[in-house]
Amino acid sequence: MSRKIDLPTQKEMNKLHHLQRLSFWSSISMPQRLTLGFLSVITVGTLLLLLPISYHTDNPHHFMNALFTATSAASVTGLTVVDTATHWTVFGQCVIIMLVEIGALGFMSFSVLLFTATKRRMDLRSKLMVQEVYNLQTLYDTQSVFGYVIKLSVIIQIVGAALLAPFMIHDFGWQRGLFFAVFHAISAFGNSGFSILPNGTSDYINQPIVLFILALLIVAGSLGFLVWRDLLWYYRTRRLTLHSKLALLMTGSLIFGGFILFEITESNLAFAHELSPVKSAFDTLFMSISYRTAGFTEFSFDQMAPATILLTIILMYIGGTPGSTAGGIKTTTLGVLILQTNAALRGKKDVTFAHRRLPHENIVRALLLVFVSLVFLATLSFLLMISEGKSETYGLEYIIFEVVSAFATAGLSLGLTPHLSTFGQLIIMLAMFIGRVGIYTVMFSILNVHEEAAQYRYPEESVIIG
């Protein structure tokens, strides 16, 4: 005798599929979610830049143009294979600057913005992702930190655009000038280096005020949101966190040290004698600030001394502050390594700064970051030398400069990027992607690393070092 079987309804099947999707998403680690989210932003940006409305149809355009530009914009790098000012239409430029905005603030910011706008409470998963994006130590008041980040970013960019507007409206008219001001305010705050000026920021080489405004926006973006919160709340708390103290000390030292060294390396160049002492000093200061994180340039690198190129590589590798719009290994990483070196040379076991002792985990993390990043850069440089090394025009320094610039999301170029092969472009895109998402995030995404308590410890034995 046959038995009647009750098949599930369509509603029940949809519910089952929904639960399966939720189960899959919940099984993904936080670093994996950040990586996938960033990839989705790049994918959407690429599709938008492939639309005919995004580029001038009289220019040759293909998929790699869109993919490379979207990756560069979302990673706030600024490296390009086509000219941003002439290849893209106003719509395409708007897509680029929106990708820069998303990349600067972190794509999670815009997801969490929905919670704030709809007055919904953030769940634990969302708080954990915000903590990962902004390098927070704890989950305490995560939503208020996010609200502060958005408000501060919007205010700084509006003020920057308002300060740039009179100069650019004077040069390009109301409509174009206002658009240029907004575009460059966002680009400078995001430390991206994208420019739609006819000749880039070199158009304002003789206007120190414009360069000074751009420099302030770059510093504001590269300091990090947590440092800004400490500074703005100082009147109430009367204290700065150890992170903020070290970040401010290292940032100031790098700006001042870069200024002095650039003055030395570029003192004999022809263009230095064509400018007044004040303008020359402002241009050098702008170089020290922009070359480390942003990528805006006043002069062609063909004019630069080899010592300047080496100094630029070092500054780009260091980058900005954690939780900021800048890349690199970060100023605090360098600060921790300097403090560790100083303590070791003095025979001290503890690493101290501002009457505080740094935990051993900080030092290990800094050492691991430097080691892994150097191995990563060496590997990518080796691959580029294989694919692009046959060119007699672009030698070793071009390849290393380009790889470090991409990884540090600085966006400076010696001219190699537009001439890269498809494989070379993929290598640079990988460097930009990992540089923005973070080596730890990508590493933990691939390896799915999680802490395990050791059940036993081996006997200790030393090896000879040095």
Protein backbone atom coordinates (compact mmCIF):
# COMPACT_ATOMS: atom_id res chain seq x y z
CA MET A 1 0.00 0.00 0.00
CA SER A 2 1.42 3.33 -1.02
CA ARG A 3 1.96 6.02 1.54
CA LYS A 4 1.39 9.68 0.86
CA ILE A 5 4.51 11.82 1.13
CA ASP A 6 4.10 15.48 2.09
CA LEU A 7 6.60 17.48 0.06
CA PRO A 8 7.89 20.79 1.53
CA THR A 9 6.24 23.95 0.27
CA GLN A 10 8.11 26.66 -1.63
CA LYS A 11 8.04 28.86 1.47
CA GLU A 12 9.62 26.12 3.57
CA MET A 13 12.29 25.51 0.92
CA ASN A 14 13.13 29.22 0.80
CA LYS A 15 13.43 29.28 4.58
CA LEU A 16 15.75 26.25 4.48
CA HIS A 17 17.99 27.87 1.84
CA HIS A 18 18.05 31.06 3.89
CA LEU A 19 19.17 29.16 6.99
CA GLN A 20 21.86 27.40 4.96
CA ARG A 21 23.17 30.71 3.69
CA LEU A 22 23.23 32.11 7.21
CA SER A 23 25.04 29.02 8.42
CA PHE A 24 27.65 29.44 5.67
CA TRP A 25 28.13 33.15 6.46
CA SER A 26 28.42 32.50 10.19
CA SER A 27 31.13 29.91 9.53
CA ILE A 28 33.34 32.50 7.83
CA SER A 29 35.91 34.22 10.04
CA MET A 30 36.10 37.99 10.48
CA PRO A 31 39.22 38.39 8.29
CA GLN A 32 37.54 36.34 5.56
CA ARG A 33 34.45 38.57 5.69
CA LEU A 34 36.58 41.68 5.40
CA THR A 35 38.46 40.21 2.44
CA LEU A 36 35.28 39.10 0.65
CA GLY A 37 33.63 42.45 1.33
CA PHE A 38 36.56 44.33 -0.17
CA LEU A 39 36.52 42.06 -3.22
CA SER A 40 32.80 42.77 -3.68
CA VAL A 41 33.48 46.53 -3.63
CA ILE A 42 36.13 46.12 -6.34
CA THR A 43 33.78 43.94 -8.41
CA VAL A 44 30.96 46.49 -8.32
CA GLY A 45 33.40 49.30 -9.14
CA THR A 46 34.78 47.36 -12.09
CA LEU A 47 31.31 46.74 -13.50
CA LEU A 48 30.43 50.43 -13.21
CA LEU A 49 33.66 51.50 -14.91
CA LEU A 50 32.94 49.11 -17.78
CA LEU A 51 29.74 51.00 -18.62
CA PRO A 52 30.01 53.19 -21.77
CA ILE A 53 28.90 56.19 -19.69
CA SER A 54 32.06 55.86 -17.57
CA TYR A 55 34.70 56.46 -20.25
CA HIS A 56 35.14 58.49 -23.41
CA THR A 57 34.26 56.18 -26.29
CA ASP A 58 37.04 57.55 -28.49
CA ASN A 59 39.61 56.09 -26.03
CA PRO A 60 40.60 52.40 -26.21
CA HIS A 61 39.03 50.69 -23.22
CA HIS A 62 39.04 47.12 -21.99
CA PHE A 63 38.36 45.06 -18.90
CA MET A 64 41.82 45.44 -17.33
CA ASN A 65 41.51 49.25 -17.41
CA ALA A 66 38.36 49.05 -15.32
CA LEU A 67 39.61 46.32 -12.98
CA PHE A 68 42.97 47.98 -12.30
CA THR A 69 41.41 51.41 -11.73
CA ALA A 70 38.71 50.00 -9.42
CA THR A 71 41.33 48.11 -7.39
CA SER A 72 43.55 51.17 -7.18
CA ALA A 73 40.67 53.42 -6.12
CA ALA A 74 39.18 51.02 -3.56
CA SER A 75 42.63 50.46 -2.07
CA VAL A 76 43.20 54.27 -2.05
CA THR A 77 46.45 53.84 -3.97
CA GLY A 78 46.31 56.07 -7.04
CA LEU A 79 48.34 53.98 -9.50
CA THR A 80 46.74 54.12 -12.94
CA VAL A 81 47.14 52.52 -16.34
CA VAL A 82 45.14 55.29 -18.04
CA ASP A 83 44.99 59.03 -17.45
CA THR A 84 42.26 59.77 -14.89
CA ALA A 85 41.61 63.28 -16.22
CA THR A 86 41.15 62.40 -19.90
CA HIS A 87 40.13 58.72 -20.07
CA TRP A 88 37.14 58.81 -17.73
CA THR A 89 33.97 60.86 -18.04
CA VAL A 90 32.52 62.81 -15.13
CA PHE A 91 30.44 59.74 -14.24
CA GLY A 92 33.54 57.53 -14.29
CA GLN A 93 35.42 60.03 -12.13
CA CYS A 94 32.50 60.05 -9.68
CA VAL A 95 32.67 56.24 -9.50
CA ILE A 96 36.41 56.45 -8.82
CA ILE A 97 36.06 59.01 -6.04
CA MET A 98 33.22 57.01 -4.43
CA LEU A 99 35.47 53.94 -4.44
CA VAL A 100 38.18 56.07 -2.83
CA GLU A 101 35.70 57.18 -0.15
CA ILE A 102 34.62 53.61 0.55
CA GLY A 103 38.22 52.40 0.59
CA ALA A 104 39.32 55.25 2.86
CA LEU A 105 36.65 54.77 5.51
CA GLY A 106 36.42 51.01 5.13
CA PHE A 107 33.57 49.27 3.36
CA MET A 108 32.27 48.11 6.75
CA SER A 109 31.58 51.75 7.63
CA PHE A 110 28.85 51.94 5.03
CA SER A 111 27.33 48.68 6.20
CA VAL A 112 27.26 49.87 9.79
CA LEU A 113 25.85 53.20 8.57
CA LEU A 114 22.61 51.35 7.83
CA PHE A 115 22.35 50.36 11.49
CA THR A 116 22.81 53.98 12.56
CA ALA A 117 20.36 55.35 9.98
CA THR A 118 17.66 52.82 10.89
CA LYS A 119 18.37 53.18 14.63
CA ARG A 120 19.02 49.46 14.94
CA ARG A 121 21.44 48.02 17.44
CA MET A 122 24.61 46.45 16.08
CA ASP A 123 24.96 42.73 16.69
CA LEU A 124 28.20 41.16 17.94
CA ARG A 125 29.32 40.16 14.44
CA SER A 126 29.04 43.74 13.16
CA LYS A 127 30.89 45.08 16.20
CA LEU A 128 33.70 42.58 15.65
CA MET A 129 34.07 43.67 12.02
CA VAL A 130 34.20 47.36 12.99
CA GLN A 131 36.81 46.46 15.61
CA GLU A 132 38.88 44.73 12.89
CA VAL A 133 38.56 47.65 10.43
CA TYR A 134 39.55 50.38 12.90
CA ASN A 135 42.10 48.34 14.88
CA LEU A 136 40.16 48.74 18.12
CA GLN A 137 41.47 46.99 21.19
CA THR A 138 38.00 46.27 22.64
CA LEU A 139 34.36 46.22 21.56
CA TYR A 140 33.52 49.06 23.95
CA ASP A 141 31.26 51.73 22.35
CA THR A 142 31.99 50.45 18.83
CA GLN A 143 28.96 52.18 17.35
CA SER A 144 29.86 55.55 18.87
CA VAL A 145 33.39 55.22 17.48
CA PHE A 146 31.92 54.57 14.04
CA GLY A 147 29.61 57.59 14.32
CA TYR A 148 32.57 59.72 15.30
CA VAL A 149 34.60 58.43 12.32
CA ILE A 150 31.87 59.30 9.81
CA LYS A 151 31.16 62.75 11.27
CA LEU A 152 34.83 63.68 11.53
CA SER A 153 35.59 62.46 8.00
CA VAL A 154 32.69 64.36 6.46
CA ILE A 155 33.57 67.57 8.32
CA ILE A 156 37.26 67.44 7.35
CA GLN A 157 36.46 66.78 3.68
CA ILE A 158 33.83 69.55 3.52
CA VAL A 159 36.23 72.05 5.10
CA GLY A 160 39.00 70.93 2.74
CA ALA A 161 36.77 71.29 -0.32
CA ALA A 162 35.64 74.74 0.85
CA LEU A 163 39.26 75.87 1.24
CA LEU A 164 40.27 74.52 -2.18
CA ALA A 165 37.20 75.82 -4.00
CA PRO A 166 38.21 79.52 -4.40
CA PHE A 167 41.50 78.60 -6.08
CA MET A 168 40.07 75.96 -8.39
CA ILE A 169 36.94 77.96 -9.27
CA HIS A 170 39.24 80.84 -10.20
CA ASP A 171 41.23 78.57 -12.53
CA PHE A 172 38.47 76.36 -14.01
CA GLY A 173 35.15 78.15 -13.51
CA TRP A 174 32.32 77.46 -11.08
CA GLN A 175 31.13 74.05 -12.23
CA ARG A 176 34.47 72.36 -12.96
CA GLY A 177 36.28 74.19 -10.16
CA LEU A 178 33.79 73.08 -7.51
CA PHE A 179 33.91 69.48 -8.75
CA PHE A 180 37.72 69.57 -8.79
CA ALA A 181 37.75 70.92 -5.22
CA VAL A 182 35.47 68.16 -3.90
CA PHE A 183 37.32 65.46 -5.84
CA HIS A 184 40.76 66.49 -4.56
CA ALA A 185 39.56 67.03 -0.99
CA ILE A 186 38.29 63.43 -0.90
CA SER A 187 41.37 62.14 -2.70
CA ALA A 188 43.79 63.96 -0.37
CA PHE A 189 41.95 62.93 2.82
CA GLY A 190 41.84 59.35 1.53
CA ASN A 191 45.59 59.52 0.78
CA SER A 192 44.79 58.12 -2.67
CA GLY A 193 46.71 60.45 -4.99
CA PHE A 194 44.06 60.45 -7.74
CA SER A 195 43.97 63.78 -9.58
CA ILE A 196 41.85 65.08 -12.44
CA LEU A 197 43.80 68.31 -12.87
CA PRO A 198 45.29 68.72 -16.36
CA ASN A 199 48.84 68.34 -15.04
CA GLY A 200 48.14 66.96 -11.61
CA THR A 201 49.14 68.89 -8.50
CA SER A 202 52.15 70.27 -10.39
CA ASP A 203 49.67 72.92 -11.64
CA TYR A 204 49.96 74.49 -8.17
CA ILE A 205 53.71 74.29 -7.70
CA ASN A 206 53.79 78.09 -7.37
CA GLN A 207 50.80 78.27 -5.01
CA PRO A 208 52.00 77.10 -1.57
CA ILE A 209 48.58 77.70 0.01
CA VAL A 210 46.92 75.05 -2.20
CA LEU A 211 49.71 72.57 -1.46
CA PHE A 212 49.45 73.38 2.25
CA ILE A 213 45.69 72.66 2.24
CA LEU A 214 46.27 69.36 0.46
CA ALA A 215 49.05 68.52 2.92
CA LEU A 216 46.75 69.18 5.90
CA LEU A 217 44.12 66.88 4.40
CA ILE A 218 46.74 64.17 3.82
CA VAL A 219 47.99 64.40 7.41
CA ALA A 220 44.41 64.38 8.72
CA GLY A 221 43.71 61.15 6.86
CA SER A 222 47.02 59.48 7.68
CA LEU A 223 46.91 60.14 11.44
CA GLY A 224 44.16 57.65 12.11
CA PHE A 225 40.68 58.16 13.50
CA LEU A 226 41.56 57.03 17.02
CA VAL A 227 44.36 59.58 17.24
CA TRP A 228 41.96 62.32 16.16
CA ARG A 229 39.46 61.22 18.78
CA ASP A 230 42.13 61.48 21.47
CA LEU A 231 43.12 64.94 20.25
CA LEU A 232 39.55 66.25 20.06
CA TRP A 233 38.63 64.80 23.46
CA TYR A 234 41.81 65.97 25.15
CA TYR A 235 40.07 68.99 26.67
CA ARG A 236 37.85 66.57 28.61
CA THR A 237 40.19 63.67 29.36
CA ARG A 238 43.45 65.63 29.70
CA ARG A 239 45.35 62.58 28.48
CA LEU A 240 46.42 60.81 25.32
CA THR A 241 46.62 57.06 24.89
CA LEU A 242 50.02 55.48 24.43
CA HIS A 243 49.06 54.67 20.84
CA SER A 244 48.33 58.33 20.08
CA LYS A 245 51.53 59.55 21.74
CA LEU A 246 53.69 57.16 19.74
CA ALA A 247 51.78 57.82 16.49
CA LEU A 248 52.10 61.61 16.85
CA LEU A 249 55.80 61.40 17.75
CA MET A 250 56.60 59.14 14.79
CA THR A 251 54.47 61.15 12.33
CA GLY A 252 56.11 64.43 13.35
CA SER A 253 59.58 62.88 13.21
CA LEU A 254 58.99 61.41 9.75
CA ILE A 255 57.61 64.69 8.36
CA PHE A 256 60.47 66.76 9.79
CA GLY A 257 63.14 64.15 8.95
CA GLY A 258 61.78 63.72 5.43
CA PHE A 259 61.79 67.50 4.95
CA ILE A 260 65.45 67.79 5.96
CA LEU A 261 66.55 64.83 3.85
CA PHE A 262 64.60 65.98 0.78
CA GLU A 263 66.16 69.43 1.17
CA ILE A 264 69.58 67.76 1.06
CA THR A 265 68.92 65.38 -1.83
CA GLU A 266 67.13 67.88 -4.07
CA SER A 267 69.15 71.04 -3.31
CA ASN A 268 71.09 70.89 -6.59
CA LEU A 269 68.17 70.31 -8.96
CA ALA A 270 67.41 72.96 -11.56
CA PHE A 271 63.84 73.59 -10.44
CA ALA A 272 64.99 74.39 -6.87
CA HIS A 273 66.71 77.56 -8.13
CA GLU A 274 63.63 78.72 -10.05
CA LEU A 275 61.48 78.98 -6.92
CA SER A 276 61.63 81.47 -4.08
CA PRO A 277 62.95 80.12 -0.74
CA VAL A 278 59.44 80.12 0.76
CA LYS A 279 57.88 78.27 -2.18
CA SER A 280 60.77 75.83 -2.32
CA ALA A 281 60.36 75.08 1.40
CA PHE A 282 56.61 74.48 0.98
CA ASP A 283 57.23 72.20 -2.00
CA THR A 284 59.77 70.18 -0.01
CA LEU A 285 57.38 69.95 2.95
CA PHE A 286 54.66 68.74 0.60
CA MET A 287 57.04 66.10 -0.76
CA SER A 288 57.79 64.87 2.77
CA ILE A 289 54.07 64.55 3.58
CA SER A 290 52.65 63.36 0.26
CA TYR A 291 55.35 60.95 -0.85
CA ARG A 292 55.03 58.88 2.33
CA THR A 293 51.29 58.16 2.07
CA ALA A 294 49.34 60.04 -0.59
CA GLY A 295 51.18 60.03 -3.92
CA PHE A 296 50.50 63.57 -5.15
CA THR A 297 53.57 64.82 -7.03
CA GLU A 298 54.77 68.24 -8.07
CA PHE A 299 57.70 67.13 -10.19
CA SER A 300 58.44 64.26 -12.53
CA PHE A 301 60.60 61.56 -10.98
CA ASP A 302 62.82 61.83 -14.06
CA GLN A 303 64.16 64.98 -12.40
CA MET A 304 64.77 63.33 -9.04
CA ALA A 305 68.15 62.27 -7.68
CA PRO A 306 68.69 58.54 -6.96
CA ALA A 307 68.95 59.39 -3.25
CA THR A 308 65.46 60.92 -3.41
CA ILE A 309 64.05 57.77 -5.00
CA LEU A 310 65.60 55.59 -2.26
CA LEU A 311 64.31 57.92 0.46
CA THR A 312 60.85 57.83 -1.11
CA ILE A 313 60.83 54.01 -1.10
CA ILE A 314 61.69 53.99 2.61
CA LEU A 315 59.01 56.56 3.49
CA MET A 316 56.37 54.74 1.43
CA TYR A 317 57.21 51.44 3.13
CA ILE A 318 56.66 53.03 6.56
CA GLY A 319 53.35 54.67 5.58
CA GLY A 320 50.80 56.15 7.97
CA THR A 321 49.16 55.30 11.29
CA PRO A 322 47.03 52.20 12.02
CA GLY A 323 43.31 52.77 11.56
CA SER A 324 43.94 55.55 9.02
CA THR A 325 43.44 55.94 5.28
CA ALA A 326 47.16 55.33 4.65
CA GLY A 327 49.05 52.09 4.02
CA GLY A 328 52.55 50.81 4.76
CA ILE A 329 53.78 48.91 7.81
CA LYS A 330 52.59 51.90 9.88
CA THR A 331 54.36 54.48 12.02
CA THR A 332 53.68 52.71 15.31
CA THR A 333 55.28 49.50 13.97
CA LEU A 334 58.47 51.43 13.27
CA GLY A 335 58.20 53.13 16.66
CA VAL A 336 57.89 49.81 18.50
CA LEU A 337 60.92 48.38 16.65
CA ILE A 338 62.99 51.48 17.46
CA LEU A 339 62.01 51.21 21.13
CA GLN A 340 62.83 47.49 21.15
CA THR A 341 66.22 48.14 19.53
CA ASN A 342 67.00 50.89 22.03
CA ALA A 343 66.06 48.66 24.96
CA ALA A 344 68.14 45.74 23.63
CA LEU A 345 71.21 47.93 23.07
CA ARG A 346 70.91 49.23 26.63
CA GLY A 347 70.54 45.74 28.05
CA LYS A 348 66.96 46.28 29.24
CA LYS A 349 64.42 43.47 29.27
CA ASP A 350 61.38 45.75 29.22
CA VAL A 351 60.46 48.00 26.31
CA THR A 352 59.08 51.23 27.75
CA PHE A 353 57.63 54.44 26.36
CA ALA A 354 55.97 57.37 28.16
CA HIS A 355 56.16 55.58 31.52
CA ARG A 356 54.44 52.50 30.13
CA ARG A 357 55.74 49.01 29.36
CA LEU A 358 54.87 47.56 25.95
CA PRO A 359 53.53 44.00 25.96
CA HIS A 360 55.64 41.29 24.34
CA GLU A 361 52.79 40.60 21.85
CA ASN A 362 53.23 44.11 20.40
CA ILE A 363 56.89 43.50 19.67
CA VAL A 364 56.32 40.06 18.17
CA ARG A 365 53.51 41.42 15.98
CA ALA A 366 55.72 44.27 14.73
CA LEU A 367 58.61 41.94 13.93
CA LEU A 368 56.31 39.47 12.17
CA LEU A 369 54.70 42.25 10.11
CA VAL A 370 58.07 43.56 8.90
CA PHE A 371 59.40 40.09 8.09
CA VAL A 372 56.27 38.92 6.25
CA SER A 373 55.95 42.20 4.33
CA LEU A 374 59.58 42.08 3.19
CA VAL A 375 59.18 38.47 2.02
CA PHE A 376 55.96 39.46 0.23
CA LEU A 377 57.61 42.46 -1.48
CA ALA A 378 60.64 40.40 -2.48
CA THR A 379 58.41 37.71 -3.97
CA LEU A 380 56.32 40.16 -6.00
CA SER A 381 59.44 42.02 -7.16
CA PHE A 382 60.95 38.72 -8.30
CA LEU A 383 57.80 37.85 -10.27
CA LEU A 384 57.74 41.29 -11.88
CA MET A 385 61.39 41.00 -12.84
CA ILE A 386 60.58 37.77 -14.64
CA SER A 387 57.62 39.25 -16.53
CA GLU A 388 58.84 42.83 -17.08
CA GLY A 389 62.61 42.56 -16.61
CA LYS A 390 63.38 42.19 -20.32
CA SER A 391 62.75 45.90 -20.88
CA GLU A 392 65.93 47.96 -21.17
CA THR A 393 64.06 51.10 -20.10
CA TYR A 394 62.69 49.88 -16.76
CA GLY A 395 65.33 48.38 -14.51
CA LEU A 396 65.47 47.07 -10.96
CA GLU A 397 64.71 50.38 -9.24
CA TYR A 398 61.53 50.84 -11.31
CA ILE A 399 60.17 47.45 -10.29
CA ILE A 400 61.00 47.78 -6.58
CA PHE A 401 59.62 51.32 -6.49
CA GLU A 402 56.36 50.24 -8.12
CA VAL A 403 55.85 47.20 -5.88
CA VAL A 404 56.52 49.15 -2.66
CA SER A 405 54.27 51.97 -3.85
CA ALA A 406 51.43 49.52 -4.54
CA PHE A 407 51.84 47.66 -1.25
CA ALA A 408 52.04 50.90 0.74
CA THR A 409 49.03 52.28 -1.25
CA ALA A 410 51.12 55.41 -1.87
CA GLY A 411 50.40 55.59 -5.60
CA LEU A 412 53.73 57.04 -6.75
CA SER A 413 55.20 55.73 -9.98
CA LEU A 414 58.42 55.98 -11.94
CA GLY A 415 56.38 55.39 -15.09
CA LEU A 416 56.31 51.60 -15.20
CA THR A 417 52.63 50.94 -14.37
CA PRO A 418 51.06 52.08 -17.70
CA HIS A 419 53.48 49.78 -19.57
CA LEU A 420 52.92 46.63 -17.50
CA SER A 421 51.82 43.40 -19.11
CA THR A 422 48.56 41.80 -17.99
CA PHE A 423 50.48 39.56 -15.59
CA GLY A 424 52.37 42.58 -14.26
CA GLN A 425 49.11 44.45 -13.66
CA LEU A 426 47.74 41.47 -11.74
CA ILE A 427 50.86 41.47 -9.53
CA ILE A 428 50.47 45.19 -8.77
CA MET A 429 46.74 44.73 -8.08
CA LEU A 430 47.56 41.94 -5.63
CA ALA A 431 50.03 44.25 -3.88
CA MET A 432 47.44 47.05 -3.66
CA PHE A 433 44.74 44.69 -2.41
CA ILE A 434 46.86 43.15 0.34
CA GLY A 435 48.36 46.53 1.22
CA ARG A 436 44.91 47.97 1.90
CA VAL A 437 43.17 44.99 3.47
CA GLY A 438 46.26 44.18 5.52
CA ILE A 439 48.73 41.33 5.51
CA TYR A 440 47.35 39.90 8.75
CA THR A 441 43.75 39.99 7.50
CA VAL A 442 44.58 38.24 4.22
CA MET A 443 46.94 35.80 5.93
CA PHE A 444 44.32 34.85 8.52
CA SER A 445 41.68 34.64 5.78
CA ILE A 446 43.71 32.09 3.80
CA LEU A 447 45.16 30.13 6.69
CA ASN A 448 42.09 30.53 8.96
CA VAL A 449 44.45 31.00 11.89
CA HIS A 450 43.07 30.68 15.41
CA GLU A 451 44.80 30.62 18.74
CA GLU A 452 45.43 27.20 20.24
CA ALA A 453 46.57 26.54 23.78
CA ALA A 454 49.73 24.42 23.75
CA GLN A 455 49.49 21.23 25.80
CA TYR A 456 53.24 21.15 26.47
CA ARG A 457 56.47 23.15 25.98
CA TYR A 458 59.82 21.90 24.72
CA PRO A 459 63.10 22.47 26.61
CA GLU A 460 64.77 25.80 25.82
CA GLU A 461 68.05 26.00 23.86
CA SER A 462 69.61 29.03 22.20
CA VAL A 463 71.29 29.43 18.80
CA ILE A 464 74.09 31.77 17.74
CA ILE A 465 72.85 35.05 16.21
CA GLY A 466 74.99 37.42 14.15
